[in-house]
Amino acid sequence: MPPNLTGYYRFVSQENMDNYLRALDINVVLRKLVCLLKPDKEIIHTGDHMVIRTITSLRDYVMDFDLGVQFEEDLGPVDGRKCQRMTAEDEVCVQVFQKVK
């Protein structure tokens, strides 16, 4: 049985965010802004269901999904698009968070 990931996580680091956002065709101003953010994450993990709340100084963002089921992520608050994949072209961004409670 996989671990329950419920908790609050602090941002530690990220790699390749600018290139990832560029591959998604995000405009330069929004890319630079996103790269400066150091979001926290609050996760509620119940069985196969997860809610991940991303908390930033500008805006909170919520993803609500079932594990193992492809879903459409609504990026309306960011740039109005919807997506289903975690990679863009050959670019992958890695973010690291540490559980604090």
N, C-alpha and C. Protein backbone atom coordinates (compact mmCIF):
# COMPACT_ATOMS: atom_id res chain seq x y z
N MET A 1 0.85 -1.19 0.00
CA MET A 1 0.00 0.00 0.00
C MET A 1 0.89 1.25 0.00
N PRO A 2 0.64 2.19 -0.92
CA PRO A 2 1.48 3.40 -0.98
C PRO A 2 1.28 4.26 0.26
N PRO A 3 2.28 5.08 0.58
CA PRO A 3 2.15 5.96 1.75
C PRO A 3 1.09 7.04 1.54
N ASN A 4 0.52 7.49 2.63
CA ASN A 4 -0.42 8.62 2.57
C ASN A 4 0.41 9.89 2.55
N LEU A 5 0.20 10.73 1.56
CA LEU A 5 1.02 11.93 1.38
C LEU A 5 0.39 13.18 1.98
N THR A 6 -0.69 13.03 2.73
CA THR A 6 -1.35 14.18 3.34
C THR A 6 -0.35 14.97 4.17
N GLY A 7 -0.35 16.29 4.00
CA GLY A 7 0.53 17.14 4.78
C GLY A 7 0.78 18.48 4.12
N TYR A 8 1.66 19.25 4.74
CA TYR A 8 2.03 20.57 4.25
C TYR A 8 3.51 20.51 3.86
N TYR A 9 3.83 20.99 2.68
CA TYR A 9 5.17 20.88 2.13
C TYR A 9 5.72 22.27 1.77
N ARG A 10 6.97 22.51 2.13
CA ARG A 10 7.65 23.76 1.79
C ARG A 10 8.55 23.54 0.57
N PHE A 11 8.60 24.56 -0.28
CA PHE A 11 9.45 24.56 -1.46
C PHE A 11 10.91 24.49 -1.05
N VAL A 12 11.68 23.63 -1.73
CA VAL A 12 13.12 23.53 -1.48
C VAL A 12 13.90 24.02 -2.69
N SER A 13 13.58 23.49 -3.87
CA SER A 13 14.33 23.88 -5.07
C SER A 13 13.56 23.46 -6.32
N GLN A 14 14.04 23.97 -7.46
CA GLN A 14 13.50 23.54 -8.75
C GLN A 14 14.59 23.63 -9.80
N GLU A 15 14.46 22.78 -10.81
CA GLU A 15 15.41 22.75 -11.91
C GLU A 15 14.65 22.80 -13.23
N ASN A 16 15.14 23.60 -14.15
CA ASN A 16 14.68 23.64 -15.54
C ASN A 16 13.28 24.23 -15.72
N MET A 17 12.80 25.01 -14.79
CA MET A 17 11.45 25.56 -14.89
C MET A 17 11.33 26.49 -16.10
N ASP A 18 12.30 27.37 -16.34
CA ASP A 18 12.19 28.32 -17.44
C ASP A 18 12.11 27.60 -18.79
N ASN A 19 12.97 26.60 -19.00
CA ASN A 19 12.94 25.85 -20.26
C ASN A 19 11.63 25.09 -20.43
N TYR A 20 11.12 24.53 -19.35
CA TYR A 20 9.84 23.82 -19.38
C TYR A 20 8.71 24.76 -19.78
N LEU A 21 8.67 25.93 -19.15
CA LEU A 21 7.62 26.90 -19.47
C LEU A 21 7.76 27.44 -20.90
N ARG A 22 8.99 27.60 -21.35
CA ARG A 22 9.24 28.04 -22.73
C ARG A 22 8.69 27.00 -23.71
N ALA A 23 8.92 25.72 -23.42
CA ALA A 23 8.40 24.65 -24.29
C ALA A 23 6.87 24.65 -24.31
N LEU A 24 6.25 25.11 -23.24
CA LEU A 24 4.79 25.23 -23.18
C LEU A 24 4.30 26.51 -23.85
N ASP A 25 5.24 27.31 -24.36
CA ASP A 25 4.93 28.57 -25.03
C ASP A 25 4.30 29.60 -24.09
N ILE A 26 4.80 29.63 -22.86
CA ILE A 26 4.38 30.64 -21.88
C ILE A 26 5.17 31.91 -22.16
N ASN A 27 4.52 33.06 -22.13
CA ASN A 27 5.23 34.31 -22.46
C ASN A 27 6.31 34.61 -21.43
N VAL A 28 7.30 35.38 -21.85
CA VAL A 28 8.51 35.61 -21.06
C VAL A 28 8.21 36.26 -19.70
N VAL A 29 7.27 37.17 -19.65
CA VAL A 29 6.96 37.84 -18.38
C VAL A 29 6.40 36.85 -17.37
N LEU A 30 5.45 36.03 -17.81
CA LEU A 30 4.86 35.03 -16.92
C LEU A 30 5.89 33.97 -16.52
N ARG A 31 6.77 33.58 -17.45
CA ARG A 31 7.84 32.62 -17.13
C ARG A 31 8.73 33.14 -16.02
N LYS A 32 9.17 34.38 -16.15
CA LYS A 32 10.06 34.96 -15.15
C LYS A 32 9.36 35.05 -13.79
N LEU A 33 8.09 35.41 -13.79
CA LEU A 33 7.33 35.49 -12.55
C LEU A 33 7.21 34.12 -11.89
N VAL A 34 6.86 33.12 -12.67
CA VAL A 34 6.72 31.76 -12.12
C VAL A 34 8.05 31.27 -11.56
N CYS A 35 9.14 31.55 -12.24
CA CYS A 35 10.46 31.10 -11.77
C CYS A 35 10.86 31.75 -10.45
N LEU A 36 10.32 32.92 -10.16
CA LEU A 36 10.63 33.59 -8.89
C LEU A 36 9.80 33.08 -7.72
N LEU A 37 8.66 32.48 -8.01
CA LEU A 37 7.78 32.00 -6.94
C LEU A 37 8.38 30.80 -6.23
N LYS A 38 8.12 30.71 -4.96
CA LYS A 38 8.55 29.57 -4.14
C LYS A 38 7.30 29.04 -3.43
N PRO A 39 6.50 28.27 -4.17
CA PRO A 39 5.20 27.85 -3.64
C PRO A 39 5.31 26.81 -2.53
N ASP A 40 4.34 26.79 -1.65
CA ASP A 40 4.14 25.70 -0.72
C ASP A 40 3.05 24.82 -1.30
N LYS A 41 2.96 23.59 -0.80
CA LYS A 41 1.91 22.67 -1.26
C LYS A 41 1.21 22.09 -0.03
N GLU A 42 -0.10 22.02 -0.12
CA GLU A 42 -0.89 21.32 0.89
C GLU A 42 -1.57 20.15 0.17
N ILE A 43 -1.34 18.94 0.67
CA ILE A 43 -1.88 17.75 0.02
C ILE A 43 -2.87 17.06 0.95
N ILE A 44 -4.02 16.72 0.39
CA ILE A 44 -5.00 15.88 1.07
C ILE A 44 -5.10 14.60 0.25
N HIS A 45 -4.68 13.49 0.84
CA HIS A 45 -4.60 12.20 0.15
C HIS A 45 -5.53 11.23 0.86
N THR A 46 -6.61 10.87 0.19
CA THR A 46 -7.59 9.95 0.76
C THR A 46 -7.79 8.79 -0.21
N GLY A 47 -7.24 7.62 0.13
CA GLY A 47 -7.34 6.47 -0.76
C GLY A 47 -6.68 6.76 -2.09
N ASP A 48 -7.44 6.67 -3.18
CA ASP A 48 -6.92 6.95 -4.52
C ASP A 48 -7.22 8.36 -4.98
N HIS A 49 -7.67 9.21 -4.07
CA HIS A 49 -8.03 10.58 -4.44
C HIS A 49 -7.03 11.56 -3.81
N MET A 50 -6.63 12.57 -4.60
CA MET A 50 -5.71 13.59 -4.09
C MET A 50 -6.20 14.98 -4.44
N VAL A 51 -6.00 15.88 -3.50
CA VAL A 51 -6.20 17.30 -3.74
C VAL A 51 -4.87 17.97 -3.39
N ILE A 52 -4.30 18.67 -4.36
CA ILE A 52 -3.04 19.36 -4.14
C ILE A 52 -3.29 20.85 -4.30
N ARG A 53 -3.10 21.58 -3.23
CA ARG A 53 -3.28 23.03 -3.24
C ARG A 53 -1.90 23.67 -3.29
N THR A 54 -1.64 24.43 -4.33
CA THR A 54 -0.39 25.17 -4.47
C THR A 54 -0.63 26.57 -3.94
N ILE A 55 0.22 26.98 -3.01
CA ILE A 55 0.03 28.26 -2.32
C ILE A 55 1.18 29.19 -2.66
N THR A 56 0.86 30.33 -3.27
CA THR A 56 1.89 31.32 -3.60
C THR A 56 1.46 32.68 -3.06
N SER A 57 2.37 33.62 -3.13
CA SER A 57 2.06 34.98 -2.68
C SER A 57 1.08 35.68 -3.62
N LEU A 58 0.94 35.17 -4.85
CA LEU A 58 0.04 35.80 -5.82
C LEU A 58 -1.33 35.15 -5.88
N ARG A 59 -1.37 33.82 -5.88
CA ARG A 59 -2.63 33.12 -6.08
C ARG A 59 -2.48 31.67 -5.65
N ASP A 60 -3.54 31.11 -5.11
CA ASP A 60 -3.57 29.68 -4.80
C ASP A 60 -4.15 28.94 -6.01
N TYR A 61 -3.77 27.68 -6.15
CA TYR A 61 -4.19 26.88 -7.28
C TYR A 61 -4.48 25.47 -6.77
N VAL A 62 -5.58 24.87 -7.19
CA VAL A 62 -5.98 23.54 -6.69
C VAL A 62 -6.08 22.54 -7.83
N MET A 63 -5.46 21.37 -7.64
CA MET A 63 -5.61 20.22 -8.53
C MET A 63 -6.35 19.14 -7.75
N ASP A 64 -7.38 18.57 -8.32
CA ASP A 64 -8.22 17.57 -7.67
C ASP A 64 -8.33 16.39 -8.64
N PHE A 65 -7.81 15.20 -8.26
CA PHE A 65 -7.76 14.09 -9.21
C PHE A 65 -7.71 12.74 -8.50
N ASP A 66 -7.94 11.68 -9.27
CA ASP A 66 -7.81 10.32 -8.78
C ASP A 66 -6.51 9.72 -9.32
N LEU A 67 -5.77 9.03 -8.48
CA LEU A 67 -4.52 8.41 -8.88
C LEU A 67 -4.77 7.35 -9.95
N GLY A 68 -3.90 7.31 -10.94
CA GLY A 68 -3.99 6.32 -12.00
C GLY A 68 -5.01 6.63 -13.08
N VAL A 69 -5.67 7.78 -12.98
CA VAL A 69 -6.68 8.16 -13.96
C VAL A 69 -6.24 9.46 -14.62
N GLN A 70 -6.07 9.42 -15.95
CA GLN A 70 -5.68 10.63 -16.66
C GLN A 70 -6.78 11.68 -16.48
N PHE A 71 -6.36 12.91 -16.26
CA PHE A 71 -7.33 13.99 -16.06
C PHE A 71 -6.85 15.23 -16.79
N GLU A 72 -7.77 16.12 -17.04
CA GLU A 72 -7.46 17.37 -17.70
C GLU A 72 -7.25 18.43 -16.64
N GLU A 73 -6.08 19.03 -16.64
CA GLU A 73 -5.77 20.10 -15.69
C GLU A 73 -6.15 21.43 -16.32
N ASP A 74 -6.94 22.19 -15.60
CA ASP A 74 -7.41 23.48 -16.09
C ASP A 74 -6.43 24.56 -15.63
N LEU A 75 -5.69 25.11 -16.58
CA LEU A 75 -4.73 26.18 -16.28
C LEU A 75 -5.33 27.55 -16.51
N GLY A 76 -6.65 27.62 -16.49
CA GLY A 76 -7.36 28.88 -16.69
C GLY A 76 -6.81 30.02 -15.86
N PRO A 77 -6.56 29.81 -14.56
CA PRO A 77 -6.03 30.91 -13.75
C PRO A 77 -4.64 31.38 -14.20
N VAL A 78 -3.90 30.50 -14.87
CA VAL A 78 -2.54 30.85 -15.29
C VAL A 78 -2.54 31.47 -16.68
N ASP A 79 -2.99 30.69 -17.67
CA ASP A 79 -2.96 31.22 -19.04
C ASP A 79 -4.13 30.75 -19.90
N GLY A 80 -5.15 30.18 -19.29
CA GLY A 80 -6.36 29.83 -20.02
C GLY A 80 -6.37 28.50 -20.73
N ARG A 81 -5.29 27.72 -20.61
CA ARG A 81 -5.22 26.45 -21.32
C ARG A 81 -5.60 25.28 -20.42
N LYS A 82 -5.81 24.13 -21.07
CA LYS A 82 -6.01 22.87 -20.37
C LYS A 82 -4.94 21.91 -20.87
N CYS A 83 -4.42 21.05 -19.98
CA CYS A 83 -3.37 20.12 -20.39
C CYS A 83 -3.56 18.78 -19.68
N GLN A 84 -2.81 17.77 -20.19
CA GLN A 84 -2.89 16.43 -19.61
C GLN A 84 -1.50 15.84 -19.37
N ARG A 85 -0.43 16.46 -19.74
CA ARG A 85 0.89 15.84 -19.60
C ARG A 85 1.79 16.67 -18.72
N MET A 86 2.76 15.99 -18.07
CA MET A 86 3.71 16.63 -17.18
C MET A 86 5.02 17.00 -17.87
N THR A 87 5.17 16.69 -19.17
CA THR A 87 6.37 17.06 -19.92
C THR A 87 5.96 17.92 -21.11
N ALA A 88 6.89 18.71 -21.59
CA ALA A 88 6.65 19.55 -22.76
C ALA A 88 7.85 19.38 -23.68
N GLU A 89 7.57 18.87 -24.89
CA GLU A 89 8.64 18.53 -25.83
C GLU A 89 9.61 17.61 -25.09
N ASP A 90 10.89 17.97 -25.01
CA ASP A 90 11.86 17.15 -24.27
C ASP A 90 12.20 17.76 -22.92
N GLU A 91 11.49 18.78 -22.51
CA GLU A 91 11.80 19.49 -21.28
C GLU A 91 11.02 18.92 -20.09
N VAL A 92 11.72 18.74 -19.00
CA VAL A 92 11.10 18.27 -17.75
C VAL A 92 11.55 19.19 -16.64
N CYS A 93 10.62 19.64 -15.83
CA CYS A 93 10.95 20.46 -14.67
C CYS A 93 10.83 19.59 -13.42
N VAL A 94 11.78 19.74 -12.52
CA VAL A 94 11.75 19.00 -11.26
C VAL A 94 11.66 20.02 -10.13
N GLN A 95 10.64 19.86 -9.29
CA GLN A 95 10.51 20.69 -8.09
C GLN A 95 10.67 19.78 -6.88
N VAL A 96 11.35 20.27 -5.86
CA VAL A 96 11.57 19.52 -4.63
C VAL A 96 10.90 20.25 -3.48
N PHE A 97 10.15 19.49 -2.68
CA PHE A 97 9.45 20.03 -1.51
C PHE A 97 9.78 19.17 -0.30
N GLN A 98 9.78 19.77 0.87
CA GLN A 98 10.03 19.04 2.12
C GLN A 98 8.77 19.11 2.98
N LYS A 99 8.33 17.95 3.47
CA LYS A 99 7.15 17.89 4.32
C LYS A 99 7.48 18.52 5.67
N VAL A 100 6.66 19.49 6.10
CA VAL A 100 6.92 20.17 7.37
C VAL A 100 5.85 19.88 8.42
N LYS A 101 4.68 19.41 8.01
CA LYS A 101 3.68 18.98 8.98
C LYS A 101 2.61 18.15 8.31
